[in-house]
C-alpha atoms as a PDB file:
ATOM      1  CA  UNK A   1      36.965  73.692 103.323  1.00  0.00           C
ATOM      2  CA  UNK A   2      39.057  70.554 103.317  1.00  0.00           C
ATOM      3  CA  UNK A   3      42.662  70.376 104.445  1.00  0.00           C
ATOM      4  CA  UNK A   4      43.722  69.642 100.872  1.00  0.00           C
ATOM      5  CA  UNK A   5      42.003  72.791  99.607  1.00  0.00           C
ATOM      6  CA  UNK A   6      43.650  74.839 102.326  1.00  0.00           C
ATOM      7  CA  UNK A   7      47.047  73.464 101.401  1.00  0.00           C
ATOM      8  CA  UNK A   8      46.480  74.233  97.718  1.00  0.00           C
ATOM      9  CA  UNK A   9      45.476  77.828  98.518  1.00  0.00           C
ATOM     10  CA  UNK A  10      48.494  78.227 100.810  1.00  0.00           C
ATOM     11  CA  UNK A  11      50.898  76.915  98.145  1.00  0.00           C
ATOM     12  CA  UNK A  12      49.347  79.218  95.540  1.00  0.00           C
ATOM     13  CA  UNK A  13      49.808  82.180  97.914  1.00  0.00           C
ATOM     14  CA  UNK A  14      53.442  81.232  98.545  1.00  0.00           C
ATOM     15  CA  UNK A  15      54.172  80.939  94.803  1.00  0.00           C
ATOM     16  CA  UNK A  16      52.550  84.325  94.112  1.00  0.00           C
ATOM     17  CA  UNK A  17      54.481  86.002  96.919  1.00  0.00           C
ATOM     18  CA  UNK A  18      57.742  84.438  95.745  1.00  0.00           C
ATOM     19  CA  UNK A  19      57.185  85.649  92.199  1.00  0.00           C
ATOM     20  CA  UNK A  20      56.450  89.183  93.421  1.00  0.00           C
ATOM     21  CA  UNK A  21      59.576  89.188  95.581  1.00  0.00           C
ATOM     22  CA  UNK A  22      61.708  87.969  92.668  1.00  0.00           C
ATOM     23  CA  UNK A  23      60.414  90.808  90.530  1.00  0.00           C
ATOM     24  CA  UNK A  24      61.133  93.340  93.283  1.00  0.00           C
ATOM     25  CA  UNK A  25      64.719  92.080  93.680  1.00  0.00           C
ATOM     26  CA  UNK A  26      65.573  92.051  90.015  1.00  0.00           C
ATOM     27  CA  UNK A  27      68.968  93.294  88.699  1.00  0.00           C
ATOM     28  CA  UNK A  28      69.753  96.938  87.932  1.00  0.00           C
ATOM     29  CA  UNK A  29      68.236  98.504  84.897  1.00  0.00           C
ATOM     30  CA  UNK A  30      70.175 100.410  82.282  1.00  0.00           C
ATOM     31  CA  UNK A  31      68.939 103.616  83.880  1.00  0.00           C
ATOM     32  CA  UNK A  32      70.950 102.726  86.995  1.00  0.00           C
ATOM     33  CA  UNK A  33      74.207 102.278  85.124  1.00  0.00           C
ATOM     34  CA  UNK A  34      76.691 105.150  85.117  1.00  0.00           C
ATOM     35  CA  UNK A  35      79.551 105.715  82.663  1.00  0.00           C
ATOM     36  CA  UNK A  36      83.001 104.636  83.821  1.00  0.00           C
ATOM     37  CA  UNK A  37      85.182 107.465  85.178  1.00  0.00           C
ATOM     38  CA  UNK A  38      87.971 108.715  82.952  1.00  0.00           C
ATOM     39  CA  UNK A  39      91.252 107.840  84.669  1.00  0.00           C
ATOM     40  CA  UNK A  40      94.530 109.660  83.965  1.00  0.00           C
ATOM     41  CA  UNK A  41      97.002 107.786  81.811  1.00  0.00           C
ATOM     42  CA  UNK A  42      99.996 106.339  83.629  1.00  0.00           C
ATOM     43  CA  UNK A  43     103.373 107.559  82.484  1.00  0.00           C
ATOM     44  CA  UNK A  44     106.484 105.450  82.016  1.00  0.00           C
ATOM     45  CA  UNK A  45     107.883 103.810  85.147  1.00  0.00           C
ATOM     46  CA  UNK A  46     110.483 106.488  86.043  1.00  0.00           C
ATOM     47  CA  UNK A  47     107.732 109.133  86.323  1.00  0.00           C
ATOM     48  CA  UNK A  48     105.496 107.133  88.655  1.00  0.00           C
ATOM     49  CA  UNK A  49     105.988 108.053  92.312  1.00  0.00           C
ATOM     50  CA  UNK A  50     107.165 105.044  94.302  1.00  0.00           C
ATOM     51  CA  UNK A  51     109.087 103.376  91.495  1.00  0.00           C
ATOM     52  CA  UNK A  52     112.803 103.405  90.791  1.00  0.00           C
ATOM     53  CA  UNK A  53     113.963 101.565  87.707  1.00  0.00           C
ATOM     54  CA  UNK A  54     117.655 102.315  88.211  1.00  0.00           C
ATOM     55  CA  UNK A  55     119.568 103.516  91.259  1.00  0.00           C
ATOM     56  CA  UNK A  56     122.175 106.112  90.370  1.00  0.00           C
ATOM     57  CA  UNK A  57     125.141 106.527  92.786  1.00  0.00           C
ATOM     58  CA  UNK A  58     124.627 110.316  92.676  1.00  0.00           C
ATOM     59  CA  UNK A  59     121.212 109.724  94.248  1.00  0.00           C
ATOM     60  CA  UNK A  60     122.419 107.492  97.077  1.00  0.00           C
ATOM     61  CA  UNK A  61     123.082 109.056 100.476  1.00  0.00           C
ATOM     62  CA  UNK A  62     125.450 107.120 102.720  1.00  0.00           C
ATOM     63  CA  UNK A  63     125.291 107.524 106.501  1.00  0.00           C
ATOM     64  CA  UNK A  64     127.983 105.990 108.700  1.00  0.00           C
ATOM     65  CA  UNK A  65     126.416 105.743 112.152  1.00  0.00           C
ATOM     66  CA  UNK A  66     127.914 105.329 115.582  1.00  0.00           C
ATOM     67  CA  UNK A  67     125.305 102.589 116.113  1.00  0.00           C
ATOM     68  CA  UNK A  68     127.593 100.285 114.230  1.00  0.00           C
ATOM     69  CA  UNK A  69     127.484 100.477 110.459  1.00  0.00           C
ATOM     70  CA  UNK A  70     126.704 102.052 107.120  1.00  0.00           C
ATOM     71  CA  UNK A  71     123.221 102.943 105.896  1.00  0.00           C
ATOM     72  CA  UNK A  72     122.455 103.447 102.196  1.00  0.00           C
ATOM     73  CA  UNK A  73     119.506 105.624 101.240  1.00  0.00           C
ATOM     74  CA  UNK A  74     118.142 106.032  97.737  1.00  0.00           C
ATOM     75  CA  UNK A  75     117.063 109.630  97.190  1.00  0.00           C
ATOM     76  CA  UNK A  76     114.151 110.598  94.943  1.00  0.00           C
ATOM     77  CA  UNK A  77     114.853 113.706  92.855  1.00  0.00           C
ATOM     78  CA  UNK A  78     111.976 112.674  90.593  1.00  0.00           C
ATOM     79  CA  UNK A  79     109.442 113.653  93.282  1.00  0.00           C
ATOM     80  CA  UNK A  80     111.406 115.982  95.602  1.00  0.00           C
ATOM     81  CA  UNK A  81     114.233 117.547  93.554  1.00  0.00           C
ATOM     82  CA  UNK A  82     114.866 120.588  95.785  1.00  0.00           C
ATOM     83  CA  UNK A  83     114.987 118.507  98.963  1.00  0.00           C
ATOM     84  CA  UNK A  84     117.328 115.958  97.424  1.00  0.00           C
ATOM     85  CA  UNK A  85     119.610 118.741  96.225  1.00  0.00           C
ATOM     86  CA  UNK A  86     119.632 120.211  99.741  1.00  0.00           C
ATOM     87  CA  UNK A  87     120.577 116.878 101.331  1.00  0.00           C
ATOM     88  CA  UNK A  88     123.246 116.295  98.696  1.00  0.00           C
ATOM     89  CA  UNK A  89     124.701 119.792  99.217  1.00  0.00           C
ATOM     90  CA  UNK A  90     124.787 119.559 103.012  1.00  0.00           C
ATOM     91  CA  UNK A  91     126.287 116.065 102.938  1.00  0.00           C
ATOM     92  CA  UNK A  92     129.123 117.225 100.684  1.00  0.00           C
ATOM     93  CA  UNK A  93     129.721 120.231 102.943  1.00  0.00           C
ATOM     94  CA  UNK A  94     130.176 117.897 105.921  1.00  0.00           C
ATOM     95  CA  UNK A  95     127.196 119.575 107.606  1.00  0.00           C
ATOM     96  CA  UNK A  96     125.766 116.356 109.040  1.00  0.00           C
ATOM     97  CA  UNK A  97     129.071 114.917 110.267  1.00  0.00           C
ATOM     98  CA  UNK A  98     129.001 114.543 114.045  1.00  0.00           C
ATOM     99  CA  UNK A  99     125.322 115.513 114.439  1.00  0.00           C
ATOM    100  CA  UNK A 100     123.091 113.430 116.698  1.00  0.00           C
ATOM    101  CA  UNK A 101     119.661 111.849 116.447  1.00  0.00           C
ATOM    102  CA  UNK A 102     118.119 114.084 119.088  1.00  0.00           C
ATOM    103  CA  UNK A 103     114.570 112.715 119.085  1.00  0.00           C
ATOM    104  CA  UNK A 104     113.985 109.005 118.664  1.00  0.00           C
ATOM    105  CA  UNK A 105     110.612 107.448 119.476  1.00  0.00           C
ATOM    106  CA  UNK A 106     110.416 103.666 119.449  1.00  0.00           C
ATOM    107  CA  UNK A 107     107.941 102.394 116.865  1.00  0.00           C
ATOM    108  CA  UNK A 108     107.685 105.823 115.235  1.00  0.00           C
ATOM    109  CA  UNK A 109     110.748 107.643 113.904  1.00  0.00           C
ATOM    110  CA  UNK A 110     114.356 108.789 114.468  1.00  0.00           C
ATOM    111  CA  UNK A 111     114.990 112.488 113.886  1.00  0.00           C
ATOM    112  CA  UNK A 112     118.319 114.214 113.305  1.00  0.00           C
ATOM    113  CA  UNK A 113     120.049 116.717 111.070  1.00  0.00           C
ATOM    114  CA  UNK A 114     120.227 119.575 113.592  1.00  0.00           C
ATOM    115  CA  UNK A 115     123.766 120.905 114.221  1.00  0.00           C
ATOM    116  CA  UNK A 116     122.703 122.186 117.665  1.00  0.00           C
ATOM    117  CA  UNK A 117     121.185 118.879 118.762  1.00  0.00           C
ATOM    118  CA  UNK A 118     118.174 120.734 120.184  1.00  0.00           C
ATOM    119  CA  UNK A 119     115.553 120.235 117.490  1.00  0.00           C
ATOM    120  CA  UNK A 120     115.423 123.966 116.763  1.00  0.00           C
ATOM    121  CA  UNK A 121     118.472 124.442 114.547  1.00  0.00           C
ATOM    122  CA  UNK A 122     119.197 124.210 110.850  1.00  0.00           C
ATOM    123  CA  UNK A 123     121.591 125.237 108.121  1.00  0.00           C
ATOM    124  CA  UNK A 124     122.278 128.783 106.904  1.00  0.00           C
ATOM    125  CA  UNK A 125     120.590 127.966 103.614  1.00  0.00           C
ATOM    126  CA  UNK A 126     117.039 129.257 103.029  1.00  0.00           C
ATOM    127  CA  UNK A 127     114.067 127.127 103.993  1.00  0.00           C
ATOM    128  CA  UNK A 128     112.598 124.872 101.332  1.00  0.00           C
ATOM    129  CA  UNK A 129     109.234 125.051  99.651  1.00  0.00           C
ATOM    130  CA  UNK A 130     107.257 121.883 100.331  1.00  0.00           C
ATOM    131  CA  UNK A 131     107.363 119.122  97.713  1.00  0.00           C
ATOM    132  CA  UNK A 132     104.594 116.892  99.023  1.00  0.00           C
ATOM    133  CA  UNK A 133     104.262 113.727  96.942  1.00  0.00           C
ATOM    134  CA  UNK A 134     102.680 110.282  96.857  1.00  0.00           C
ATOM    135  CA  UNK A 135     105.513 108.395  98.546  1.00  0.00           C
ATOM    136  CA  UNK A 136     104.171 106.797 101.757  1.00  0.00           C
ATOM    137  CA  UNK A 137     105.499 106.918 105.310  1.00  0.00           C
ATOM    138  CA  UNK A 138     106.493 103.258 105.312  1.00  0.00           C
ATOM    139  CA  UNK A 139     109.340 101.659 107.260  1.00  0.00           C
ATOM    140  CA  UNK A 140     112.656 103.109 106.138  1.00  0.00           C
ATOM    141  CA  UNK A 141     111.209 106.222 104.467  1.00  0.00           C
ATOM    142  CA  UNK A 142     113.028 109.542 105.002  1.00  0.00           C
ATOM    143  CA  UNK A 143     111.233 112.876 105.197  1.00  0.00           C
ATOM    144  CA  UNK A 144     112.023 116.435 106.229  1.00  0.00           C
ATOM    145  CA  UNK A 145     110.980 117.813 109.602  1.00  0.00           C
ATOM    146  CA  UNK A 146     109.527 121.314 109.563  1.00  0.00           C
ATOM    147  CA  UNK A 147     107.849 123.979 111.674  1.00  0.00           C
ATOM    148  CA  UNK A 148     104.125 124.744 111.385  1.00  0.00           C
ATOM    149  CA  UNK A 149     104.635 126.375 108.013  1.00  0.00           C
ATOM    150  CA  UNK A 150     104.603 123.867 105.173  1.00  0.00           C
ATOM    151  CA  UNK A 151     107.542 125.685 103.582  1.00  0.00           C
ATOM    152  CA  UNK A 152     109.876 125.649 106.609  1.00  0.00           C
ATOM    153  CA  UNK A 153     111.960 122.481 106.075  1.00  0.00           C
ATOM    154  CA  UNK A 154     115.702 123.174 106.149  1.00  0.00           C
ATOM    155  CA  UNK A 155     118.145 120.462 107.255  1.00  0.00           C
ATOM    156  CA  UNK A 156     116.393 118.250 109.805  1.00  0.00           C
ATOM    157  CA  UNK A 157     115.045 114.911 108.647  1.00  0.00           C
ATOM    158  CA  UNK A 158     113.581 111.772 110.143  1.00  0.00           C
ATOM    159  CA  UNK A 159     113.662 108.071 109.347  1.00  0.00           C
ATOM    160  CA  UNK A 160     110.393 106.169 109.707  1.00  0.00           C
ATOM    161  CA  UNK A 161     110.730 103.075 111.915  1.00  0.00           C
ATOM    162  CA  UNK A 162     107.201 101.734 111.443  1.00  0.00           C
ATOM    163  CA  UNK A 163     104.456 102.765 108.985  1.00  0.00           C
ATOM    164  CA  UNK A 164     102.675 105.992 109.945  1.00  0.00           C
ATOM    165  CA  UNK A 165     100.577 106.787 106.884  1.00  0.00           C
ATOM    166  CA  UNK A 166      98.644 109.591 108.598  1.00  0.00           C
ATOM    167  CA  UNK A 167     101.670 111.809 107.864  1.00  0.00           C
ATOM    168  CA  UNK A 168     101.499 111.231 104.104  1.00  0.00           C
ATOM    169  CA  UNK A 169     101.402 114.433 102.020  1.00  0.00           C
ATOM    170  CA  UNK A 170     102.023 116.620 105.068  1.00  0.00           C
ATOM    171  CA  UNK A 171     105.812 116.178 105.163  1.00  0.00           C
ATOM    172  CA  UNK A 172     108.100 115.891 102.147  1.00  0.00           C
ATOM    173  CA  UNK A 173     109.446 112.366 101.679  1.00  0.00           C
ATOM    174  CA  UNK A 174     112.677 112.354  99.702  1.00  0.00           C
ATOM    175  CA  UNK A 175     114.174 108.866 100.075  1.00  0.00           C
ATOM    176  CA  UNK A 176     114.166 105.413 101.613  1.00  0.00           C
ATOM    177  CA  UNK A 177     116.686 103.108 103.252  1.00  0.00           C
ATOM    178  CA  UNK A 178     117.772 100.319 100.920  1.00  0.00           C
ATOM    179  CA  UNK A 179     120.552  98.841 103.047  1.00  0.00           C
ATOM    180  CA  UNK A 180     121.555  98.922 106.715  1.00  0.00           C
ATOM    181  CA  UNK A 181     118.119  99.269 108.342  1.00  0.00           C
ATOM    182  CA  UNK A 182     119.391  97.197 111.272  1.00  0.00           C
ATOM    183  CA  UNK A 183     121.742 100.069 112.123  1.00  0.00           C
ATOM    184  CA  UNK A 184     118.804 102.477 112.019  1.00  0.00           C
ATOM    185  CA  UNK A 185     116.917 100.187 114.396  1.00  0.00           C
ATOM    186  CA  UNK A 186     119.912 100.377 116.758  1.00  0.00           C
ATOM    187  CA  UNK A 187     119.712 104.202 117.063  1.00  0.00           C
ATOM    188  CA  UNK A 188     119.407 105.138 120.742  1.00  0.00           C
ATOM    189  CA  UNK A 189     115.854 105.958 121.876  1.00  0.00           C
ATOM    190  CA  UNK A 190     114.900 109.079 123.816  1.00  0.00           C
ATOM    191  CA  UNK A 191     113.803 112.717 123.679  1.00  0.00           C
ATOM    192  CA  UNK A 192     116.722 113.309 123.864  1.00  0.00           C
ATOM    193  CA  UNK A 193     118.537 109.968 124.278  1.00  0.00           C
ATOM    194  CA  UNK A 194     120.922 109.729 127.240  1.00  0.00           C
ATOM    195  CA  UNK A 195     123.692 108.680 124.866  1.00  0.00           C
ATOM    196  CA  UNK A 196     122.572 109.767 121.400  1.00  0.00           C
ATOM    197  CA  UNK A 197     123.583 107.999 118.221  1.00  0.00           C
ATOM    198  CA  UNK A 198     125.655 110.158 115.883  1.00  0.00           C
ATOM    199  CA  UNK A 199     126.190 110.445 112.168  1.00  0.00           C
ATOM    200  CA  UNK A 200     129.931 109.931 111.916  1.00  0.00           C
ATOM    201  CA  UNK A 201     129.966 110.720 108.216  1.00  0.00           C
ATOM    202  CA  UNK A 202     127.374 111.581 105.571  1.00  0.00           C
ATOM    203  CA  UNK A 203     128.396 111.289 101.936  1.00  0.00           C
ATOM    204  CA  UNK A 204     127.150 110.696  98.411  1.00  0.00           C
ATOM    205  CA  UNK A 205     127.949 107.297  96.939  1.00  0.00           C
ATOM    206  CA  UNK A 206     129.431 108.816  93.789  1.00  0.00           C
ATOM    207  CA  UNK A 207     132.251 110.268  95.916  1.00  0.00           C
ATOM    208  CA  UNK A 208     133.356 106.829  97.202  1.00  0.00           C
ATOM    209  CA  UNK A 209     134.031 108.030 100.754  1.00  0.00           C
ATOM    210  CA  UNK A 210     135.390 105.119 102.833  1.00  0.00           C
ATOM    211  CA  UNK A 211     133.830 104.311 106.216  1.00  0.00           C
ATOM    212  CA  UNK A 212     135.443 106.119 109.165  1.00  0.00           C
ATOM    213  CA  UNK A 213     138.240 104.210 110.860  1.00  0.00           C
ATOM    214  CA  UNK A 214     137.245 102.657 114.209  1.00  0.00           C
ATOM    215  CA  UNK A 215     139.643 104.997 115.994  1.00  0.00           C
ATOM    216  CA  UNK A 216     138.145 108.137 114.443  1.00  0.00           C
ATOM    217  CA  UNK A 217     137.107 110.454 117.299  1.00  0.00           C
ATOM    218  CA  UNK A 218     133.427 111.364 117.396  1.00  0.00           C
ATOM    219  CA  UNK A 219     132.905 115.143 117.197  1.00  0.00           C
ATOM    220  CA  UNK A 220     131.081 116.552 120.165  1.00  0.00           C
ATOM    221  CA  UNK A 221     127.612 118.036 119.811  1.00  0.00           C
ATOM    222  CA  UNK A 222     125.305 119.525 122.423  1.00  0.00           C
ATOM    223  CA  UNK A 223     122.387 117.437 123.594  1.00  0.00           C
ATOM    224  CA  UNK A 224     118.820 118.578 123.303  1.00  0.00           C
ATOM    225  CA  UNK A 225     117.155 120.077 126.371  1.00  0.00           C
ATOM    226  CA  UNK A 226     114.433 118.123 128.124  1.00  0.00           C
ATOM    227  CA  UNK A 227     111.709 120.169 126.449  1.00  0.00           C
ATOM    228  CA  UNK A 228     111.905 120.430 122.648  1.00  0.00           C
ATOM    229  CA  UNK A 229     109.521 122.788 120.823  1.00  0.00           C
ATOM    230  CA  UNK A 230     107.185 120.324 119.178  1.00  0.00           C
ATOM    231  CA  UNK A 231     106.266 122.719 116.368  1.00  0.00           C
ATOM    232  CA  UNK A 232     109.579 121.917 114.674  1.00  0.00           C
ATOM    233  CA  UNK A 233     108.924 118.176 114.676  1.00  0.00           C
ATOM    234  CA  UNK A 234     106.609 115.770 112.883  1.00  0.00           C
ATOM    235  CA  UNK A 235     103.353 114.877 114.585  1.00  0.00           C
ATOM    236  CA  UNK A 236     103.850 112.259 117.274  1.00  0.00           C
ATOM    237  CA  UNK A 237     100.905 109.863 117.432  1.00  0.00           C
ATOM    238  CA  UNK A 238     100.458 107.882 120.626  1.00  0.00           C
ATOM    239  CA  UNK A 239     100.773 104.750 118.537  1.00  0.00           C
ATOM    240  CA  UNK A 240     101.463 104.303 114.827  1.00  0.00           C
ATOM    241  CA  UNK A 241      98.412 103.514 112.687  1.00  0.00           C
ATOM    242  CA  UNK A 242      97.843  99.829 112.094  1.00  0.00           C
END
């Protein structure tokens, strides 16, 4: 057999193999196609979790902090109506005035809302039934702390400092900071902090409460003990999820 004949046979073999491979790697057949899933219809913007078309003053919580300024928080009664009503009620009662942020973990969250400053206290109102929703634990989000029971939130809340999405749908988010996050970032760190940051005044924007005068004395509140029962607090990851 000559070299030319060998080359011709080799080329014919290559062409046959290529054609077979092309047939084997052909596109999907109709039998492989599946019908598209039926997706739920999206409602108008005000009913979609995560969207606010208009900010109403009645749904804005104002916190005047000893860390230096005023924080405005838009509350979300569209997804957590009972929790928003609780925060609104306690703020108007003056419940949060003078309370400290007793557990503040850098890169995670700042927790307060306990009149005893220990992480174990709450208001005299009954505990709330969970209102888990689709709002994410992003920077500036506010959610309620609770014990192991999902329906044990009462008055304590925390402000998310950095995203920690692993907590989504396990704690009720009811608002988000829209102004003054730099004052949240300035909240003293510690469990408990040596010199805790306090809420000088909590109010609802509709009520037009002026900021406390610089000379206003800060009400005293007990500090948390060194060991705080962790069951009353949100999960503390070693580092926030990336």
